[in-house]
Amino acid sequence: MSTNSSYVVKNIIQGHNLSSEINSYLKILAPLQFTLETCGGTGETDYANIFMTSPLESSFYSFQNSTEIKRFNARIPHLHDFYELMIVLDGEIHQQIEQTELVFHSGSCCLMNRNIVHKEGFHSKAMLLFIGFSEKLVRELAEDEQKVYFPEIERPGSNPILRFMTDNLTKSDTKEYLDFFPGINNKDWYRILHTLTDNILRAIMFPQMGSTYIIKGMLLELFGYLSNPEQFHITPVHVEADNNFLLFSHISHLMEDMDGRITRSELERMLNYSGNYINSIVKKYTGLCLSDYSQMFYIKKAAHMLCTSTLSITEIMEKLHFTNTTHFYKCFKKHYQMTPKQYRLSKAKNQA
């Protein structure tokens, strides 16, 4: 990588302001570009490889030791004129977004708009995929979306990822991104994300007649998978928002996935934060301790089952792992000011 004030990576990326102490600026030269970053670790004998490709050209760069990796991590942050989707395929990555450092783990994704100053840093083994979308490509995808053959299925205008990018085309100063957090029951994300992205890479590297349309179609397929609420939770984040908002969102999504039946130690393992810190975040946003917040989810689930099923109250208790009838009734009445039986009758009466 050059240390001059500008550089060009083989008709893929053009960098500017590299001598600045504030941030550099990257300009995309292709319709889209893929950057695969692989780090074998940060020890003396470890390495990091960066492979970039686009419909125009490809490039490869390697950091051969920990000194070079540290130099890479120490570079100034950057922003760019394209939208960037980061997919953590393996391990974890530290991402500095403006003044905040976040850690993204396997399966997590992040789509940034064009105004956010950021940089990634390797602290352990990791495999990352960055997909850069030019403004021209975003406009083309939005236009093509209106010409679909199966509008009942493809539903033009409904995809939140494409909508996020097209909405941002007219926002010159808004700093925002989409955070993607895999659902707790999404056990197959690794295979699916690898398959989808590998297929797009192959279409880019081995083009044939129709590859342009194939690539666009597969990008939309990727967008569809990432925006499926059964697979991923999407959180829009404004950089000006509270730094802890994203963590609270992840806690809430995990609670929702498990109907509140998730332990503090499980949250610690999944989120890589201490139980005390997780509890403090929940307290900050809800005024509740972690146990009371989790209770909201399983009581809400009980209320839903009372309204939508013919299960007995005892059967609902069993499904939600209540072993004490008195405790269940006490918790339910605390949230809904009536017993489960009264709640079921009142909802049935309202629907009659």
Protein backbone atom coordinates (compact mmCIF):
# COMPACT_ATOMS: atom_id res chain seq x y z
CA MET A 1 0.00 0.00 0.00
CA SER A 2 1.33 3.40 -0.94
CA THR A 3 2.00 6.07 1.68
CA ASN A 4 1.65 8.89 -0.86
CA SER A 5 -1.27 11.29 -0.81
CA SER A 6 -3.18 9.10 -3.28
CA TYR A 7 -3.12 5.67 -4.91
CA VAL A 8 -5.13 3.46 -7.27
CA VAL A 9 -5.72 -0.26 -6.78
CA LYS A 10 -6.12 -1.68 -10.29
CA ASN A 11 -9.30 0.12 -11.38
CA ILE A 12 -11.03 -0.96 -8.16
CA ILE A 13 -10.40 1.69 -5.51
CA GLN A 14 -8.77 5.11 -5.56
CA GLY A 15 -7.48 6.47 -2.26
CA HIS A 16 -6.96 10.13 -1.38
CA ASN A 17 -5.67 12.15 1.60
CA LEU A 18 -3.44 9.34 2.81
CA SER A 19 -1.06 11.78 4.45
CA SER A 20 -3.90 13.33 6.48
CA GLU A 21 -3.93 12.77 10.22
CA ILE A 22 -7.74 12.90 10.29
CA ASN A 23 -9.09 10.53 7.65
CA SER A 24 -8.57 9.32 4.11
CA TYR A 25 -11.13 9.08 1.33
CA LEU A 26 -11.80 6.08 -0.91
CA LYS A 27 -13.48 6.31 -4.28
CA ILE A 28 -14.85 3.26 -6.08
CA LEU A 29 -13.83 2.86 -9.72
CA ALA A 30 -15.98 -0.18 -10.53
CA PRO A 31 -19.73 -0.85 -10.28
CA LEU A 32 -19.06 -3.04 -7.25
CA GLN A 33 -16.07 -4.57 -5.54
CA PHE A 34 -15.42 -7.47 -3.19
CA THR A 35 -12.65 -7.38 -0.62
CA LEU A 36 -11.87 -10.59 1.25
CA GLU A 37 -9.67 -10.07 4.32
CA THR A 38 -8.23 -13.09 6.12
CA CYS A 39 -6.15 -12.84 9.29
CA GLY A 40 -4.33 -15.88 10.67
CA GLY A 41 -3.68 -14.17 14.00
CA THR A 42 -1.56 -11.31 15.31
CA GLY A 43 1.51 -13.18 16.59
CA GLU A 44 5.02 -12.79 15.22
CA THR A 45 4.61 -15.57 12.63
CA ASP A 46 1.01 -14.79 11.68
CA TYR A 47 -0.29 -13.07 8.57
CA ALA A 48 -3.18 -11.15 7.01
CA ASN A 49 -4.20 -11.36 3.34
CA ILE A 50 -6.35 -8.93 1.40
CA PHE A 51 -7.87 -9.97 -1.92
CA MET A 52 -9.84 -7.42 -3.94
CA THR A 53 -11.82 -8.07 -7.08
CA SER A 54 -14.33 -6.30 -9.31
CA PRO A 55 -15.74 -6.70 -12.82
CA LEU A 56 -12.70 -4.71 -13.99
CA GLU A 57 -9.64 -6.19 -12.24
CA SER A 58 -8.34 -8.03 -9.17
CA SER A 59 -5.58 -7.37 -6.65
CA PHE A 60 -3.87 -9.22 -3.79
CA TYR A 61 -1.87 -7.91 -0.83
CA SER A 62 -0.33 -9.75 2.09
CA PHE A 63 0.91 -8.70 5.55
CA GLN A 64 3.61 -11.20 6.49
CA ASN A 65 4.08 -10.60 10.22
CA SER A 66 2.65 -8.94 13.32
CA THR A 67 4.56 -5.70 12.69
CA GLU A 68 2.85 -5.22 9.34
CA ILE A 69 -0.53 -6.12 10.82
CA LYS A 70 -0.03 -3.55 13.59
CA ARG A 71 0.87 -0.97 10.97
CA PHE A 72 -2.35 -1.85 9.12
CA ASN A 73 -4.38 -1.47 12.33
CA ALA A 74 -2.73 1.88 13.05
CA ARG A 75 -3.67 3.48 9.73
CA ILE A 76 -6.00 6.48 9.78
CA PRO A 77 -9.76 5.93 9.44
CA HIS A 78 -11.43 6.41 6.08
CA LEU A 79 -14.75 7.18 4.45
CA HIS A 80 -15.83 6.50 0.90
CA ASP A 81 -18.22 7.41 -1.90
CA PHE A 82 -19.84 3.95 -1.94
CA TYR A 83 -21.99 1.81 0.34
CA GLU A 84 -20.12 -0.95 2.12
CA LEU A 85 -21.54 -4.20 3.45
CA MET A 86 -19.25 -5.98 5.92
CA ILE A 87 -19.90 -9.69 6.57
CA VAL A 88 -17.96 -11.41 9.36
CA LEU A 89 -17.57 -14.94 8.01
CA ASP A 90 -15.38 -16.16 10.86
CA GLY A 91 -13.81 -14.88 14.08
CA GLU A 92 -14.34 -11.28 15.14
CA ILE A 93 -13.30 -7.83 14.00
CA HIS A 94 -12.87 -4.55 15.85
CA GLN A 95 -14.52 -1.78 13.89
CA GLN A 96 -14.00 1.86 14.78
CA ILE A 97 -17.10 3.78 13.71
CA GLU A 98 -16.50 7.49 14.14
CA GLN A 99 -15.35 7.74 17.80
CA THR A 100 -16.74 4.39 18.94
CA GLU A 101 -15.04 0.99 18.77
CA LEU A 102 -17.36 -1.97 18.31
CA VAL A 103 -16.66 -5.69 18.04
CA PHE A 104 -18.50 -7.67 15.37
CA HIS A 105 -18.60 -11.46 15.70
CA SER A 106 -19.16 -14.36 13.28
CA GLY A 107 -22.45 -14.00 11.42
CA SER A 108 -22.78 -10.28 12.11
CA CYS A 109 -23.02 -7.83 9.23
CA CYS A 110 -22.93 -4.07 8.91
CA LEU A 111 -24.02 -1.88 5.99
CA MET A 112 -22.58 1.65 6.14
CA ASN A 113 -23.67 4.67 4.20
CA ARG A 114 -21.19 7.00 2.53
CA ASN A 115 -20.69 9.48 5.37
CA ILE A 116 -19.26 7.39 8.20
CA VAL A 117 -15.58 7.59 9.08
CA HIS A 118 -14.42 4.12 10.09
CA LYS A 119 -11.72 1.45 9.97
CA GLU A 120 -11.42 -2.22 10.84
CA GLY A 121 -8.63 -3.73 12.92
CA PHE A 122 -7.41 -7.30 13.40
CA HIS A 123 -6.90 -8.54 16.96
CA SER A 124 -7.29 -12.28 16.35
CA LYS A 125 -8.06 -14.80 13.61
CA ALA A 126 -10.82 -13.58 11.34
CA MET A 127 -12.30 -13.76 7.86
CA LEU A 128 -14.21 -10.75 6.55
CA LEU A 129 -15.95 -9.95 3.32
CA PHE A 130 -16.59 -6.35 2.27
CA ILE A 131 -18.90 -5.61 -0.65
CA GLY A 132 -18.78 -2.11 -2.07
CA PHE A 133 -21.78 -0.82 -4.05
CA SER A 134 -21.34 2.22 -6.26
CA GLU A 135 -24.03 4.88 -6.39
CA LYS A 136 -24.61 3.94 -10.04
CA LEU A 137 -25.21 0.29 -9.15
CA VAL A 138 -27.64 1.23 -6.37
CA ARG A 139 -29.65 3.36 -8.80
CA GLU A 140 -29.66 0.52 -11.34
CA LEU A 141 -30.86 -2.02 -8.75
CA ALA A 142 -33.62 0.36 -7.68
CA GLU A 143 -34.70 0.89 -11.29
CA ASP A 144 -34.56 -2.83 -12.07
CA GLU A 145 -36.63 -3.55 -8.97
CA GLN A 146 -39.59 -1.77 -10.59
CA LYS A 147 -39.44 -4.07 -13.64
CA VAL A 148 -39.71 -7.47 -11.95
CA TYR A 149 -41.71 -10.29 -13.53
CA PHE A 150 -43.21 -11.50 -10.24
CA PRO A 151 -44.26 -8.41 -8.22
CA GLU A 152 -46.38 -10.49 -5.80
CA ILE A 153 -43.26 -12.39 -4.75
CA GLU A 154 -40.45 -9.90 -5.41
CA ARG A 155 -42.47 -6.99 -3.97
CA PRO A 156 -40.74 -3.91 -5.40
CA GLY A 157 -39.80 -1.32 -2.78
CA SER A 158 -40.06 -3.70 0.16
CA ASN A 159 -36.42 -4.67 0.71
CA PRO A 160 -35.02 -2.66 3.67
CA ILE A 161 -31.41 -2.95 2.47
CA LEU A 162 -32.01 -1.52 -0.98
CA ARG A 163 -34.39 1.05 0.52
CA PHE A 164 -31.72 2.12 3.01
CA MET A 165 -29.23 2.75 0.20
CA THR A 166 -31.65 4.53 -2.13
CA ASP A 167 -32.95 6.72 0.70
CA ASN A 168 -29.38 7.67 1.53
CA LEU A 169 -28.69 8.84 -2.03
CA THR A 170 -30.37 12.14 -1.15
CA LYS A 171 -28.85 12.49 2.35
CA SER A 172 -25.57 14.33 2.11
CA ASP A 173 -24.66 14.46 5.79
CA THR A 174 -26.54 11.71 7.65
CA LYS A 175 -24.29 9.18 9.37
CA GLU A 176 -26.13 5.88 9.73
CA TYR A 177 -25.73 2.16 9.20
CA LEU A 178 -27.69 -1.08 9.39
CA ASP A 179 -26.60 -3.68 11.91
CA PHE A 180 -27.45 -7.33 11.17
CA PHE A 181 -27.51 -9.79 14.05
CA PRO A 182 -28.25 -13.47 13.28
CA GLY A 183 -31.32 -14.88 14.99
CA ILE A 184 -30.60 -17.41 17.70
CA ASN A 185 -32.33 -20.14 15.66
CA ASN A 186 -30.41 -19.28 12.49
CA LYS A 187 -27.98 -22.19 12.67
CA ASP A 188 -27.26 -22.32 8.94
CA TRP A 189 -26.06 -18.75 8.32
CA TYR A 190 -22.44 -19.84 7.71
CA ARG A 191 -23.27 -22.19 4.84
CA ILE A 192 -25.83 -19.87 3.25
CA LEU A 193 -23.72 -16.70 3.42
CA HIS A 194 -20.67 -18.55 2.09
CA THR A 195 -22.71 -20.05 -0.75
CA LEU A 196 -24.34 -16.78 -1.74
CA THR A 197 -21.14 -14.73 -1.66
CA ASP A 198 -19.04 -17.48 -3.32
CA ASN A 199 -21.53 -17.62 -6.20
CA ILE A 200 -21.33 -13.84 -6.70
CA LEU A 201 -17.51 -13.96 -6.58
CA ARG A 202 -17.44 -16.73 -9.17
CA ALA A 203 -19.72 -14.75 -11.47
CA ILE A 204 -17.40 -11.74 -11.15
CA MET A 205 -14.17 -13.68 -11.68
CA PHE A 206 -15.42 -15.99 -14.45
CA PRO A 207 -17.84 -13.86 -16.47
CA GLN A 208 -19.93 -15.14 -19.34
CA MET A 209 -22.91 -13.96 -21.35
CA GLY A 210 -25.54 -12.69 -18.90
CA SER A 211 -23.18 -12.39 -15.90
CA THR A 212 -24.22 -8.78 -15.28
CA TYR A 213 -27.82 -9.83 -14.70
CA ILE A 214 -26.78 -12.92 -12.74
CA ILE A 215 -24.68 -10.78 -10.37
CA LYS A 216 -27.48 -8.26 -9.83
CA GLY A 217 -29.95 -11.08 -9.18
CA MET A 218 -27.66 -12.76 -6.67
CA LEU A 219 -27.04 -9.46 -4.86
CA LEU A 220 -30.79 -9.07 -4.45
CA GLU A 221 -30.97 -12.69 -3.26
CA LEU A 222 -28.33 -11.83 -0.64
CA PHE A 223 -30.34 -8.75 0.38
CA GLY A 224 -33.44 -10.91 0.68
CA TYR A 225 -31.70 -13.40 2.95
CA LEU A 226 -30.20 -10.75 5.23
CA SER A 227 -33.53 -8.92 5.53
CA ASN A 228 -35.55 -12.05 6.35
CA PRO A 229 -36.73 -11.47 9.95
CA GLU A 230 -36.62 -15.22 10.58
CA GLN A 231 -32.89 -15.21 9.85
CA PHE A 232 -31.50 -11.82 10.93
CA HIS A 233 -32.47 -8.91 13.13
CA ILE A 234 -31.83 -5.53 11.51
CA THR A 235 -31.18 -2.46 13.62
CA PRO A 236 -30.86 0.98 11.95
CA VAL A 237 -28.23 2.95 13.87
CA HIS A 238 -27.62 6.70 13.71
CA VAL A 239 -24.02 7.37 14.68
CA GLU A 240 -25.14 10.31 16.80
CA ALA A 241 -27.19 7.90 18.93
CA ASP A 242 -26.07 6.55 22.31
CA ASN A 243 -23.14 4.16 21.90
CA ASN A 244 -24.87 1.48 24.00
CA PHE A 245 -28.02 1.44 21.91
CA LEU A 246 -26.74 -1.34 19.64
CA LEU A 247 -25.87 -3.62 22.57
CA PHE A 248 -29.33 -3.10 24.07
CA SER A 249 -30.85 -3.95 20.69
CA HIS A 250 -28.89 -7.23 20.57
CA ILE A 251 -29.96 -8.12 24.12
CA SER A 252 -33.60 -7.45 23.24
CA HIS A 253 -33.45 -9.52 20.05
CA LEU A 254 -31.97 -12.49 21.91
CA MET A 255 -34.66 -12.14 24.57
CA GLU A 256 -37.30 -12.06 21.84
CA ASP A 257 -35.89 -15.14 20.10
CA MET A 258 -35.91 -17.13 23.35
CA ASP A 259 -39.17 -15.72 24.79
CA GLY A 260 -37.11 -14.33 27.66
CA ARG A 261 -35.81 -17.78 28.63
CA ILE A 262 -32.12 -17.01 28.29
CA THR A 263 -29.69 -16.90 31.20
CA ARG A 264 -27.24 -14.20 32.12
CA SER A 265 -24.33 -16.57 31.39
CA GLU A 266 -25.75 -17.34 27.94
CA LEU A 267 -25.98 -13.62 27.20
CA GLU A 268 -22.39 -13.18 28.41
CA ARG A 269 -21.20 -15.92 26.04
CA MET A 270 -23.15 -14.68 23.02
CA LEU A 271 -22.46 -10.97 23.46
CA ASN A 272 -18.98 -11.09 25.02
CA TYR A 273 -19.86 -8.67 27.81
CA SER A 274 -20.00 -9.28 31.54
CA GLY A 275 -23.37 -10.02 33.11
CA ASN A 276 -23.08 -6.93 35.30
CA TYR A 277 -22.53 -4.71 32.26
CA ILE A 278 -25.43 -6.31 30.37
CA ASN A 279 -27.63 -5.75 33.41
CA SER A 280 -26.54 -2.09 33.59
CA ILE A 281 -27.43 -1.54 29.91
CA VAL A 282 -30.89 -3.05 30.39
CA LYS A 283 -31.36 -0.91 33.50
CA LYS A 284 -30.33 2.20 31.59
CA TYR A 285 -32.86 1.73 28.79
CA THR A 286 -35.77 0.15 30.65
CA GLY A 287 -35.36 0.90 34.34
CA LEU A 288 -35.62 -2.86 34.93
CA CYS A 289 -33.07 -5.40 36.08
CA LEU A 290 -32.19 -8.19 33.65
CA SER A 291 -34.48 -10.78 35.28
CA ASP A 292 -37.50 -8.44 35.28
CA TYR A 293 -36.82 -7.49 31.64
CA SER A 294 -36.65 -11.14 30.60
CA GLN A 295 -39.89 -11.76 32.48
CA MET A 296 -41.63 -9.27 30.19
CA PHE A 297 -40.88 -11.48 27.19
CA TYR A 298 -42.14 -14.79 28.53
CA ILE A 299 -45.25 -13.24 30.05
CA LYS A 300 -45.92 -11.51 26.73
CA LYS A 301 -45.53 -14.90 25.03
CA ALA A 302 -47.98 -16.43 27.52
CA ALA A 303 -50.50 -13.68 26.72
CA HIS A 304 -50.08 -14.33 23.00
CA MET A 305 -50.65 -18.07 23.47
CA LEU A 306 -53.75 -17.42 25.57
CA CYS A 307 -55.22 -15.43 22.69
CA THR A 308 -54.14 -17.56 19.73
CA SER A 309 -54.26 -21.15 20.97
CA THR A 310 -56.61 -23.55 22.71
CA LEU A 311 -53.90 -24.77 25.05
CA SER A 312 -54.86 -24.90 28.70
CA ILE A 313 -53.17 -22.52 31.12
CA THR A 314 -51.26 -25.48 32.57
CA GLU A 315 -50.00 -26.47 29.10
CA ILE A 316 -48.90 -22.89 28.40
CA MET A 317 -47.04 -22.82 31.72
CA GLU A 318 -45.23 -26.03 30.79
CA LYS A 319 -44.23 -24.73 27.37
CA LEU A 320 -42.77 -21.63 29.00
CA HIS A 321 -41.00 -23.72 31.67
CA PHE A 322 -43.00 -22.49 34.67
CA THR A 323 -43.06 -25.03 37.47
CA ASN A 324 -44.84 -22.93 40.07
CA THR A 325 -48.47 -22.00 39.35
CA THR A 326 -48.59 -19.32 42.04
CA HIS A 327 -45.46 -17.64 40.64
CA PHE A 328 -46.85 -17.70 37.09
CA TYR A 329 -50.15 -16.12 38.16
CA LYS A 330 -48.31 -13.50 40.19
CA CYS A 331 -46.04 -12.54 37.27
CA PHE A 332 -48.94 -12.46 34.81
CA LYS A 333 -51.10 -10.31 37.04
CA LYS A 334 -48.19 -7.93 37.61
CA HIS A 335 -48.02 -7.23 33.85
CA TYR A 336 -51.70 -7.39 32.84
CA GLN A 337 -53.56 -6.60 36.11
CA MET A 338 -55.70 -9.73 35.71
CA THR A 339 -55.35 -13.50 35.88
CA PRO A 340 -54.55 -15.55 32.77
CA LYS A 341 -58.14 -16.87 32.67
CA GLN A 342 -59.58 -13.35 32.91
CA TYR A 343 -57.19 -12.17 30.17
CA ARG A 344 -58.25 -14.98 27.81
CA LEU A 345 -61.93 -14.29 28.42
CA SER A 346 -61.54 -10.54 27.92
CA LYS A 347 -59.70 -11.00 24.61
CA ALA A 348 -62.25 -13.54 23.40
CA LYS A 349 -65.07 -11.14 24.26
CA ASN A 350 -63.39 -8.26 22.38
CA GLN A 351 -62.93 -10.42 19.30
CA ALA A 352 -66.51 -11.69 19.33
